[in-house]
Amino acid sequence: MHEFETPGSVSLQIKLPSGRVVVTTVDEPRTTVELISIGRRGPDALEGIEVRAEERPGGHRIVIDEKDRIRWGPIRISWSGDVEARVTCPPGTDLEFSGASTDIRVEGELGTVAARTASGDIKLDEVRGKLQAKTASGDVYVSSFGEDGTIATVSGDLGVGALTAQLTARTVSGDVHIGSVRSLLVLSTTSGDVKVDSVERGEVRLQSVSGDARIGVARGTRVFIDAASVSGDLDSQLGLADDPAPVQPDDADAPRDVVPLHVKTVSGDVSIVRAAEAFSS
């Protein structure tokens, strides 16, 4: 167990090749790190992990990293095993995370987040600042984020609870599920299916090759639908408008009379439906 007094701003920098990371925010001016071996190497795996605190202007940086056993230029070799890192830190802590097959789960509020994995899953609660997440085959889920976000996956699924800031996202074969949309959503997929429970305001720009798209529209929300598919089916409970959408204000929180829905697919089906009452409040 490592414990550090961390008044002021806090930044976490975590680099673990395998295992899992659990981060919990606690309203106290300190950060703790507990390392647990979960692989076949047992306690010996912990010897390959370094934990240190670094002071920086206005706060602290906590680093959790794998020690190098052999380094020759850009080549880095180590023998550490799977490790679980349990971290508690103050709310609003910034996170920089990278791993290969490492899963990360966060419970609580973070500041800005930059997370990158190969096959590990990324699960985040509330992010106050910007969000950047990238993975090959891992899944990505975030409850909400306060500033612009970018998410990219290859075969992993993507989920967002409430979209209140602009999101630019890309998947190849992963499916996408978004609870509510209240800002600009720019999304492209190749074969992944897309489901949006409720569009309330903002704008949706969706492009897909063979993936299906199902978009719910909150009751009381007027939309301009620009939907097209080369060979897929088009279905709308709201009707397809022929007139262009009026110019909208830049402020995503400003009232909008009409929400544009731009949906393009090659062979995927497109369905526009009324959202369930649970998502239209």
C-alpha atoms as a PDB file:
ATOM      1  CA  MET A   1       0.000   0.000   0.000  1.00  0.00           C
ATOM      2  CA  HIS A   2       1.296   3.450  -0.973  1.00  0.00           C
ATOM      3  CA  GLU A   3      -0.249   6.610   0.481  1.00  0.00           C
ATOM      4  CA  PHE A   4       0.545  10.177  -0.577  1.00  0.00           C
ATOM      5  CA  GLU A   5      -0.696  13.536   0.642  1.00  0.00           C
ATOM      6  CA  THR A   6      -1.889  15.259  -2.548  1.00  0.00           C
ATOM      7  CA  PRO A   7      -3.419  18.697  -1.905  1.00  0.00           C
ATOM      8  CA  GLY A   8      -4.096  20.794  -4.999  1.00  0.00           C
ATOM      9  CA  SER A   9      -4.568  19.311  -8.441  1.00  0.00           C
ATOM     10  CA  VAL A  10      -3.793  15.633  -8.987  1.00  0.00           C
ATOM     11  CA  SER A  11      -2.774  13.752 -12.102  1.00  0.00           C
ATOM     12  CA  LEU A  12      -2.611   9.963 -12.457  1.00  0.00           C
ATOM     13  CA  GLN A  13      -0.235   8.436 -14.991  1.00  0.00           C
ATOM     14  CA  ILE A  14      -0.743   4.675 -15.223  1.00  0.00           C
ATOM     15  CA  LYS A  15       1.065   2.294 -17.579  1.00  0.00           C
ATOM     16  CA  LEU A  16       0.422  -1.398 -17.023  1.00  0.00           C
ATOM     17  CA  PRO A  17       0.686  -4.021 -19.782  1.00  0.00           C
ATOM     18  CA  SER A  18      -1.799  -6.487 -18.273  1.00  0.00           C
ATOM     19  CA  GLY A  19      -4.166  -6.881 -15.364  1.00  0.00           C
ATOM     20  CA  ARG A  20      -6.736  -4.353 -14.242  1.00  0.00           C
ATOM     21  CA  VAL A  21      -7.015  -0.921 -12.667  1.00  0.00           C
ATOM     22  CA  VAL A  22      -9.801   0.250 -10.359  1.00  0.00           C
ATOM     23  CA  VAL A  23      -9.950   3.976  -9.601  1.00  0.00           C
ATOM     24  CA  THR A  24     -12.308   5.411  -6.972  1.00  0.00           C
ATOM     25  CA  THR A  25     -12.588   9.108  -6.155  1.00  0.00           C
ATOM     26  CA  VAL A  26     -12.843  10.091  -2.487  1.00  0.00           C
ATOM     27  CA  ASP A  27     -13.264  13.656  -1.198  1.00  0.00           C
ATOM     28  CA  GLU A  28      -9.940  13.721   0.677  1.00  0.00           C
ATOM     29  CA  PRO A  29      -6.595  15.449  -0.173  1.00  0.00           C
ATOM     30  CA  ARG A  30      -4.672  12.195  -0.494  1.00  0.00           C
ATOM     31  CA  THR A  31      -4.081   9.426  -3.005  1.00  0.00           C
ATOM     32  CA  THR A  32      -3.563   5.759  -2.193  1.00  0.00           C
ATOM     33  CA  VAL A  33      -2.349   2.933  -4.408  1.00  0.00           C
ATOM     34  CA  GLU A  34      -2.701  -0.738  -3.528  1.00  0.00           C
ATOM     35  CA  LEU A  35      -1.102  -3.370  -5.757  1.00  0.00           C
ATOM     36  CA  ILE A  36      -2.369  -6.966  -5.800  1.00  0.00           C
ATOM     37  CA  SER A  37      -0.917  -9.801  -7.850  1.00  0.00           C
ATOM     38  CA  ILE A  38      -3.611 -11.662  -9.801  1.00  0.00           C
ATOM     39  CA  GLY A  39      -1.393 -13.727 -12.103  1.00  0.00           C
ATOM     40  CA  ARG A  40       0.639 -16.916 -11.908  1.00  0.00           C
ATOM     41  CA  ARG A  41       3.798 -15.127 -10.781  1.00  0.00           C
ATOM     42  CA  GLY A  42       2.245 -14.296  -7.435  1.00  0.00           C
ATOM     43  CA  PRO A  43       3.893 -11.644  -5.231  1.00  0.00           C
ATOM     44  CA  ASP A  44       6.980 -11.609  -7.470  1.00  0.00           C
ATOM     45  CA  ALA A  45       4.958  -9.676 -10.049  1.00  0.00           C
ATOM     46  CA  LEU A  46       4.689  -6.709  -7.684  1.00  0.00           C
ATOM     47  CA  GLU A  47       8.460  -6.233  -7.748  1.00  0.00           C
ATOM     48  CA  GLY A  48       8.213  -5.181 -11.373  1.00  0.00           C
ATOM     49  CA  ILE A  49       5.850  -2.259 -10.674  1.00  0.00           C
ATOM     50  CA  GLU A  50       6.994   1.191  -9.575  1.00  0.00           C
ATOM     51  CA  VAL A  51       4.778   3.680  -7.729  1.00  0.00           C
ATOM     52  CA  ARG A  52       6.007   7.213  -7.089  1.00  0.00           C
ATOM     53  CA  ALA A  53       4.739  10.729  -6.419  1.00  0.00           C
ATOM     54  CA  GLU A  54       6.095  13.795  -8.208  1.00  0.00           C
ATOM     55  CA  GLU A  55       5.423  17.383  -7.236  1.00  0.00           C
ATOM     56  CA  ARG A  56       4.398  19.784  -9.958  1.00  0.00           C
ATOM     57  CA  PRO A  57       3.212  23.410  -9.944  1.00  0.00           C
ATOM     58  CA  GLY A  58      -0.088  23.541  -8.070  1.00  0.00           C
ATOM     59  CA  GLY A  59      -0.304  19.854  -7.272  1.00  0.00           C
ATOM     60  CA  HIS A  60       1.050  16.341  -7.681  1.00  0.00           C
ATOM     61  CA  ARG A  61       1.468  13.568 -10.239  1.00  0.00           C
ATOM     62  CA  ILE A  62       1.151   9.930  -9.184  1.00  0.00           C
ATOM     63  CA  VAL A  63       2.919   7.485 -11.492  1.00  0.00           C
ATOM     64  CA  ILE A  64       2.249   3.744 -11.652  1.00  0.00           C
ATOM     65  CA  ASP A  65       4.549   2.130 -14.183  1.00  0.00           C
ATOM     66  CA  GLU A  66       6.278  -1.111 -15.042  1.00  0.00           C
ATOM     67  CA  LYS A  67       9.989  -1.186 -14.292  1.00  0.00           C
ATOM     68  CA  ASP A  68      12.347  -1.876 -17.165  1.00  0.00           C
ATOM     69  CA  ARG A  69      14.475  -4.996 -16.833  1.00  0.00           C
ATOM     70  CA  ILE A  70      16.211  -4.508 -20.184  1.00  0.00           C
ATOM     71  CA  ARG A  71      16.152  -1.363 -22.305  1.00  0.00           C
ATOM     72  CA  TRP A  72      18.138  -0.908 -25.511  1.00  0.00           C
ATOM     73  CA  GLY A  73      17.087   2.241 -27.345  1.00  0.00           C
ATOM     74  CA  PRO A  74      13.345   1.937 -28.069  1.00  0.00           C
ATOM     75  CA  ILE A  75      13.332  -1.766 -27.111  1.00  0.00           C
ATOM     76  CA  ARG A  76      11.939  -2.448 -23.631  1.00  0.00           C
ATOM     77  CA  ILE A  77      11.759  -5.883 -21.996  1.00  0.00           C
ATOM     78  CA  SER A  78      10.271  -6.836 -18.631  1.00  0.00           C
ATOM     79  CA  TRP A  79       8.879  -9.919 -16.891  1.00  0.00           C
ATOM     80  CA  SER A  80       6.054  -8.571 -14.767  1.00  0.00           C
ATOM     81  CA  GLY A  81       2.811 -10.527 -14.413  1.00  0.00           C
ATOM     82  CA  ASP A  82      -0.829  -9.537 -14.091  1.00  0.00           C
ATOM     83  CA  VAL A  83      -1.396  -6.915 -11.397  1.00  0.00           C
ATOM     84  CA  GLU A  84      -4.496  -5.206 -10.058  1.00  0.00           C
ATOM     85  CA  ALA A  85      -3.960  -1.583  -9.051  1.00  0.00           C
ATOM     86  CA  ARG A  86      -6.584  -0.131  -6.697  1.00  0.00           C
ATOM     87  CA  VAL A  87      -6.359   3.649  -6.582  1.00  0.00           C
ATOM     88  CA  THR A  88      -8.274   6.189  -4.518  1.00  0.00           C
ATOM     89  CA  CYS A  89      -7.837   9.859  -5.421  1.00  0.00           C
ATOM     90  CA  PRO A  90      -9.627  13.223  -5.069  1.00  0.00           C
ATOM     91  CA  PRO A  91     -12.536  14.086  -7.405  1.00  0.00           C
ATOM     92  CA  GLY A  92     -11.429  15.944 -10.529  1.00  0.00           C
ATOM     93  CA  THR A  93      -8.146  14.033 -10.836  1.00  0.00           C
ATOM     94  CA  ASP A  94      -6.775  13.924 -14.383  1.00  0.00           C
ATOM     95  CA  LEU A  95      -6.032  10.464 -15.797  1.00  0.00           C
ATOM     96  CA  GLU A  96      -3.533   9.328 -18.418  1.00  0.00           C
ATOM     97  CA  PHE A  97      -3.746   5.573 -18.894  1.00  0.00           C
ATOM     98  CA  SER A  98      -2.203   3.094 -21.296  1.00  0.00           C
ATOM     99  CA  GLY A  99      -2.219  -0.688 -21.320  1.00  0.00           C
ATOM    100  CA  ALA A 100      -2.215  -3.715 -23.588  1.00  0.00           C
ATOM    101  CA  SER A 101      -4.721  -6.189 -22.133  1.00  0.00           C
ATOM    102  CA  THR A 102      -5.365  -4.105 -19.012  1.00  0.00           C
ATOM    103  CA  ASP A 103      -8.959  -3.289 -18.052  1.00  0.00           C
ATOM    104  CA  ILE A 104      -9.707  -0.024 -16.258  1.00  0.00           C
ATOM    105  CA  ARG A 105     -12.821   0.885 -14.272  1.00  0.00           C
ATOM    106  CA  VAL A 106     -13.434   4.286 -12.684  1.00  0.00           C
ATOM    107  CA  GLU A 107     -16.055   5.066 -10.045  1.00  0.00           C
ATOM    108  CA  GLY A 108     -16.474   8.783  -9.410  1.00  0.00           C
ATOM    109  CA  GLU A 109     -15.623  12.072 -11.122  1.00  0.00           C
ATOM    110  CA  LEU A 110     -12.397  12.646 -13.039  1.00  0.00           C
ATOM    111  CA  GLY A 111     -11.030  15.760 -14.730  1.00  0.00           C
ATOM    112  CA  THR A 112      -9.602  15.129 -18.204  1.00  0.00           C
ATOM    113  CA  VAL A 113      -9.056  11.561 -19.401  1.00  0.00           C
ATOM    114  CA  ALA A 114      -6.771  10.089 -22.046  1.00  0.00           C
ATOM    115  CA  ALA A 115      -7.010   6.274 -22.134  1.00  0.00           C
ATOM    116  CA  ARG A 116      -5.518   3.831 -24.602  1.00  0.00           C
ATOM    117  CA  THR A 117      -5.555   0.012 -24.673  1.00  0.00           C
ATOM    118  CA  ALA A 118      -5.117  -2.836 -27.140  1.00  0.00           C
ATOM    119  CA  SER A 119      -7.663  -5.345 -25.822  1.00  0.00           C
ATOM    120  CA  GLY A 120      -8.522  -3.973 -22.389  1.00  0.00           C
ATOM    121  CA  ASP A 121     -11.943  -2.546 -21.572  1.00  0.00           C
ATOM    122  CA  ILE A 122     -12.348   1.103 -20.528  1.00  0.00           C
ATOM    123  CA  LYS A 123     -15.242   1.930 -18.192  1.00  0.00           C
ATOM    124  CA  LEU A 124     -15.567   5.494 -16.899  1.00  0.00           C
ATOM    125  CA  ASP A 125     -18.083   7.228 -14.691  1.00  0.00           C
ATOM    126  CA  GLU A 126     -18.286  11.031 -14.971  1.00  0.00           C
ATOM    127  CA  VAL A 127     -15.551  12.967 -16.797  1.00  0.00           C
ATOM    128  CA  ARG A 128     -15.602  16.714 -16.160  1.00  0.00           C
ATOM    129  CA  GLY A 129     -13.170  17.684 -18.920  1.00  0.00           C
ATOM    130  CA  LYS A 130     -12.077  16.356 -22.292  1.00  0.00           C
ATOM    131  CA  LEU A 131     -12.199  12.659 -23.101  1.00  0.00           C
ATOM    132  CA  GLN A 132      -9.915  10.700 -25.418  1.00  0.00           C
ATOM    133  CA  ALA A 133     -10.297   6.930 -25.565  1.00  0.00           C
ATOM    134  CA  LYS A 134      -8.826   4.509 -28.081  1.00  0.00           C
ATOM    135  CA  THR A 135      -8.777   0.712 -28.160  1.00  0.00           C
ATOM    136  CA  ALA A 136      -8.520  -2.090 -30.689  1.00  0.00           C
ATOM    137  CA  SER A 137     -10.739  -4.866 -29.323  1.00  0.00           C
ATOM    138  CA  GLY A 138     -11.683  -3.504 -25.912  1.00  0.00           C
ATOM    139  CA  ASP A 139     -15.088  -2.050 -25.058  1.00  0.00           C
ATOM    140  CA  VAL A 140     -15.470   1.617 -24.059  1.00  0.00           C
ATOM    141  CA  TYR A 141     -18.222   2.976 -21.817  1.00  0.00           C
ATOM    142  CA  VAL A 142     -18.541   6.428 -20.238  1.00  0.00           C
ATOM    143  CA  SER A 143     -21.491   7.795 -18.277  1.00  0.00           C
ATOM    144  CA  SER A 144     -20.926  11.432 -19.330  1.00  0.00           C
ATOM    145  CA  PHE A 145     -18.208  13.966 -20.117  1.00  0.00           C
ATOM    146  CA  GLY A 146     -18.165  17.737 -19.836  1.00  0.00           C
ATOM    147  CA  GLU A 147     -16.064  18.830 -22.824  1.00  0.00           C
ATOM    148  CA  ASP A 148     -15.413  17.541 -26.334  1.00  0.00           C
ATOM    149  CA  GLY A 149     -14.710  13.826 -26.619  1.00  0.00           C
ATOM    150  CA  THR A 150     -13.179  11.429 -29.140  1.00  0.00           C
ATOM    151  CA  ILE A 151     -13.568   7.648 -28.999  1.00  0.00           C
ATOM    152  CA  ALA A 152     -12.160   5.112 -31.463  1.00  0.00           C
ATOM    153  CA  THR A 153     -12.480   1.330 -31.451  1.00  0.00           C
ATOM    154  CA  VAL A 154     -11.919  -1.412 -34.010  1.00  0.00           C
ATOM    155  CA  SER A 155     -13.970  -4.388 -32.822  1.00  0.00           C
ATOM    156  CA  GLY A 156     -14.905  -3.171 -29.350  1.00  0.00           C
ATOM    157  CA  ASP A 157     -18.350  -1.878 -28.443  1.00  0.00           C
ATOM    158  CA  LEU A 158     -18.928   1.752 -27.495  1.00  0.00           C
ATOM    159  CA  GLY A 159     -21.413   3.129 -24.981  1.00  0.00           C
ATOM    160  CA  VAL A 160     -22.276   6.584 -23.657  1.00  0.00           C
ATOM    161  CA  GLY A 161     -24.907   7.243 -21.006  1.00  0.00           C
ATOM    162  CA  ALA A 162     -25.718  10.919 -21.584  1.00  0.00           C
ATOM    163  CA  LEU A 163     -24.101  12.926 -24.369  1.00  0.00           C
ATOM    164  CA  THR A 164     -23.944  16.553 -23.177  1.00  0.00           C
ATOM    165  CA  ALA A 165     -20.779  17.595 -25.054  1.00  0.00           C
ATOM    166  CA  GLN A 166     -19.648  17.061 -28.631  1.00  0.00           C
ATOM    167  CA  LEU A 167     -18.541  13.509 -29.444  1.00  0.00           C
ATOM    168  CA  THR A 168     -16.618  12.320 -32.481  1.00  0.00           C
ATOM    169  CA  ALA A 169     -16.524   8.517 -32.556  1.00  0.00           C
ATOM    170  CA  ARG A 170     -15.401   5.790 -34.923  1.00  0.00           C
ATOM    171  CA  THR A 171     -15.865   2.012 -34.839  1.00  0.00           C
ATOM    172  CA  VAL A 172     -15.210  -0.676 -37.420  1.00  0.00           C
ATOM    173  CA  SER A 173     -17.232  -3.704 -36.277  1.00  0.00           C
ATOM    174  CA  GLY A 174     -18.140  -2.650 -32.754  1.00  0.00           C
ATOM    175  CA  ASP A 175     -21.733  -1.756 -31.843  1.00  0.00           C
ATOM    176  CA  VAL A 176     -22.653   1.661 -30.441  1.00  0.00           C
ATOM    177  CA  HIS A 177     -25.287   2.435 -27.783  1.00  0.00           C
ATOM    178  CA  ILE A 178     -25.968   5.988 -26.612  1.00  0.00           C
ATOM    179  CA  GLY A 179     -28.583   6.841 -24.011  1.00  0.00           C
ATOM    180  CA  SER A 180     -29.469  10.485 -24.663  1.00  0.00           C
ATOM    181  CA  VAL A 181     -28.087  13.077 -27.096  1.00  0.00           C
ATOM    182  CA  ARG A 182     -28.052  16.760 -26.158  1.00  0.00           C
ATOM    183  CA  SER A 183     -25.093  17.915 -28.228  1.00  0.00           C
ATOM    184  CA  LEU A 184     -23.365  17.198 -31.548  1.00  0.00           C
ATOM    185  CA  LEU A 185     -22.776  13.512 -32.302  1.00  0.00           C
ATOM    186  CA  VAL A 186     -20.486  12.669 -35.225  1.00  0.00           C
ATOM    187  CA  LEU A 187     -20.294   8.905 -35.634  1.00  0.00           C
ATOM    188  CA  SER A 188     -19.022   6.547 -38.308  1.00  0.00           C
ATOM    189  CA  THR A 189     -19.036   2.750 -38.385  1.00  0.00           C
ATOM    190  CA  THR A 190     -18.270   0.056 -40.926  1.00  0.00           C
ATOM    191  CA  SER A 191     -20.368  -2.919 -39.827  1.00  0.00           C
ATOM    192  CA  GLY A 192     -21.296  -2.001 -36.271  1.00  0.00           C
ATOM    193  CA  ASP A 193     -24.942  -1.374 -35.362  1.00  0.00           C
ATOM    194  CA  VAL A 194     -25.949   1.927 -33.757  1.00  0.00           C
ATOM    195  CA  LYS A 195     -28.714   2.508 -31.213  1.00  0.00           C
ATOM    196  CA  VAL A 196     -29.578   5.942 -29.808  1.00  0.00           C
ATOM    197  CA  ASP A 197     -32.288   5.852 -27.145  1.00  0.00           C
ATOM    198  CA  SER A 198     -33.274   9.529 -27.203  1.00  0.00           C
ATOM    199  CA  VAL A 199     -32.241  12.590 -29.200  1.00  0.00           C
ATOM    200  CA  GLU A 200     -33.320  15.681 -27.284  1.00  0.00           C
ATOM    201  CA  ARG A 201     -31.271  18.481 -28.844  1.00  0.00           C
ATOM    202  CA  GLY A 202     -27.999  19.048 -30.665  1.00  0.00           C
ATOM    203  CA  GLU A 203     -27.358  17.270 -33.967  1.00  0.00           C
ATOM    204  CA  VAL A 204     -26.649  13.755 -35.222  1.00  0.00           C
ATOM    205  CA  ARG A 205     -24.322  12.963 -38.139  1.00  0.00           C
ATOM    206  CA  LEU A 206     -24.108   9.218 -38.682  1.00  0.00           C
ATOM    207  CA  GLN A 207     -22.433   7.257 -41.467  1.00  0.00           C
ATOM    208  CA  SER A 208     -22.329   3.465 -41.760  1.00  0.00           C
ATOM    209  CA  VAL A 209     -21.534   0.899 -44.422  1.00  0.00           C
ATOM    210  CA  SER A 210     -23.431  -2.253 -43.417  1.00  0.00           C
ATOM    211  CA  GLY A 211     -24.422  -1.466 -39.847  1.00  0.00           C
ATOM    212  CA  ASP A 212     -28.047  -0.799 -38.901  1.00  0.00           C
ATOM    213  CA  ALA A 213     -29.083   2.420 -37.148  1.00  0.00           C
ATOM    214  CA  ARG A 214     -32.021   2.888 -34.769  1.00  0.00           C
ATOM    215  CA  ILE A 215     -32.533   6.431 -33.462  1.00  0.00           C
ATOM    216  CA  GLY A 216     -35.130   7.452 -30.923  1.00  0.00           C
ATOM    217  CA  VAL A 217     -36.417  11.038 -30.801  1.00  0.00           C
ATOM    218  CA  ALA A 218     -37.666  12.497 -27.521  1.00  0.00           C
ATOM    219  CA  ARG A 219     -41.299  13.556 -27.397  1.00  0.00           C
ATOM    220  CA  GLY A 220     -41.631  17.284 -27.946  1.00  0.00           C
ATOM    221  CA  THR A 221     -38.438  17.391 -30.032  1.00  0.00           C
ATOM    222  CA  ARG A 222     -38.854  18.375 -33.683  1.00  0.00           C
ATOM    223  CA  VAL A 223     -36.342  16.950 -36.122  1.00  0.00           C
ATOM    224  CA  PHE A 224     -35.246  17.404 -39.693  1.00  0.00           C
ATOM    225  CA  ILE A 225     -34.489  13.947 -41.092  1.00  0.00           C
ATOM    226  CA  ASP A 226     -31.917  13.553 -43.855  1.00  0.00           C
ATOM    227  CA  ALA A 227     -31.689   9.753 -44.196  1.00  0.00           C
ATOM    228  CA  ALA A 228     -30.466   7.656 -47.113  1.00  0.00           C
ATOM    229  CA  SER A 229     -29.427   4.060 -47.768  1.00  0.00           C
ATOM    230  CA  VAL A 230     -28.265   2.452 -51.013  1.00  0.00           C
ATOM    231  CA  SER A 231     -29.780  -0.987 -50.405  1.00  0.00           C
ATOM    232  CA  GLY A 232     -30.991  -0.895 -46.799  1.00  0.00           C
ATOM    233  CA  ASP A 233     -34.525  -0.225 -45.590  1.00  0.00           C
ATOM    234  CA  LEU A 234     -35.647   3.206 -44.343  1.00  0.00           C
ATOM    235  CA  ASP A 235     -38.371   3.490 -41.750  1.00  0.00           C
ATOM    236  CA  SER A 236     -39.555   6.487 -39.747  1.00  0.00           C
ATOM    237  CA  GLN A 237     -42.406   6.967 -37.321  1.00  0.00           C
ATOM    238  CA  LEU A 238     -41.928  10.729 -37.706  1.00  0.00           C
ATOM    239  CA  GLY A 239     -41.970  11.124 -41.480  1.00  0.00           C
ATOM    240  CA  LEU A 240     -39.133  12.271 -43.734  1.00  0.00           C
ATOM    241  CA  ALA A 241     -38.852  16.027 -44.216  1.00  0.00           C
ATOM    242  CA  ASP A 242     -38.059  17.503 -47.637  1.00  0.00           C
ATOM    243  CA  ASP A 243     -37.088  21.038 -46.571  1.00  0.00           C
ATOM    244  CA  PRO A 244     -33.582  21.814 -45.317  1.00  0.00           C
ATOM    245  CA  ALA A 245     -33.115  22.399 -41.606  1.00  0.00           C
ATOM    246  CA  PRO A 246     -32.888  26.010 -40.450  1.00  0.00           C
ATOM    247  CA  VAL A 247     -29.568  27.416 -39.294  1.00  0.00           C
ATOM    248  CA  GLN A 248     -29.044  26.574 -35.620  1.00  0.00           C
ATOM    249  CA  PRO A 249     -27.152  28.533 -32.940  1.00  0.00           C
ATOM    250  CA  ASP A 250     -23.594  27.428 -32.106  1.00  0.00           C
ATOM    251  CA  ASP A 251     -24.379  27.020 -28.417  1.00  0.00           C
ATOM    252  CA  ALA A 252     -25.491  23.421 -27.901  1.00  0.00           C
ATOM    253  CA  ASP A 253     -27.403  24.404 -24.769  1.00  0.00           C
ATOM    254  CA  ALA A 254     -29.443  27.088 -26.559  1.00  0.00           C
ATOM    255  CA  PRO A 255     -33.048  26.210 -27.460  1.00  0.00           C
ATOM    256  CA  ARG A 256     -33.384  24.665 -30.902  1.00  0.00           C
ATOM    257  CA  ASP A 257     -36.629  24.418 -32.824  1.00  0.00           C
ATOM    258  CA  VAL A 258     -35.422  21.610 -35.080  1.00  0.00           C
ATOM    259  CA  VAL A 259     -32.745  18.981 -34.486  1.00  0.00           C
ATOM    260  CA  PRO A 260     -31.014  17.747 -37.681  1.00  0.00           C
ATOM    261  CA  LEU A 261     -30.594  13.991 -38.130  1.00  0.00           C
ATOM    262  CA  HIS A 262     -28.200  13.110 -40.967  1.00  0.00           C
ATOM    263  CA  VAL A 263     -28.015   9.334 -41.409  1.00  0.00           C
ATOM    264  CA  LYS A 264     -26.280   7.641 -44.354  1.00  0.00           C
ATOM    265  CA  THR A 265     -25.735   3.903 -44.890  1.00  0.00           C
ATOM    266  CA  VAL A 266     -24.801   1.667 -47.815  1.00  0.00           C
ATOM    267  CA  SER A 267     -26.595  -1.582 -46.954  1.00  0.00           C
ATOM    268  CA  GLY A 268     -27.630  -0.962 -43.365  1.00  0.00           C
ATOM    269  CA  ASP A 269     -31.233  -0.347 -42.308  1.00  0.00           C
ATOM    270  CA  VAL A 270     -32.277   2.993 -40.784  1.00  0.00           C
ATOM    271  CA  SER A 271     -35.132   3.303 -38.292  1.00  0.00           C
ATOM    272  CA  ILE A 272     -36.286   6.580 -36.709  1.00  0.00           C
ATOM    273  CA  VAL A 273     -38.675   6.058 -33.777  1.00  0.00           C
ATOM    274  CA  ARG A 274     -40.237   7.944 -30.891  1.00  0.00           C
ATOM    275  CA  ALA A 275     -38.153   7.545 -27.739  1.00  0.00           C
ATOM    276  CA  ALA A 276     -39.580   5.865 -24.678  1.00  0.00           C
ATOM    277  CA  GLU A 277     -40.905   8.205 -22.012  1.00  0.00           C
ATOM    278  CA  ALA A 278     -38.016   7.277 -19.700  1.00  0.00           C
ATOM    279  CA  PHE A 279     -35.573   9.017 -22.012  1.00  0.00           C
ATOM    280  CA  SER A 280     -37.596  12.116 -22.928  1.00  0.00           C
ATOM    281  CA  SER A 281     -37.605  13.977 -19.589  1.00  0.00           C
END
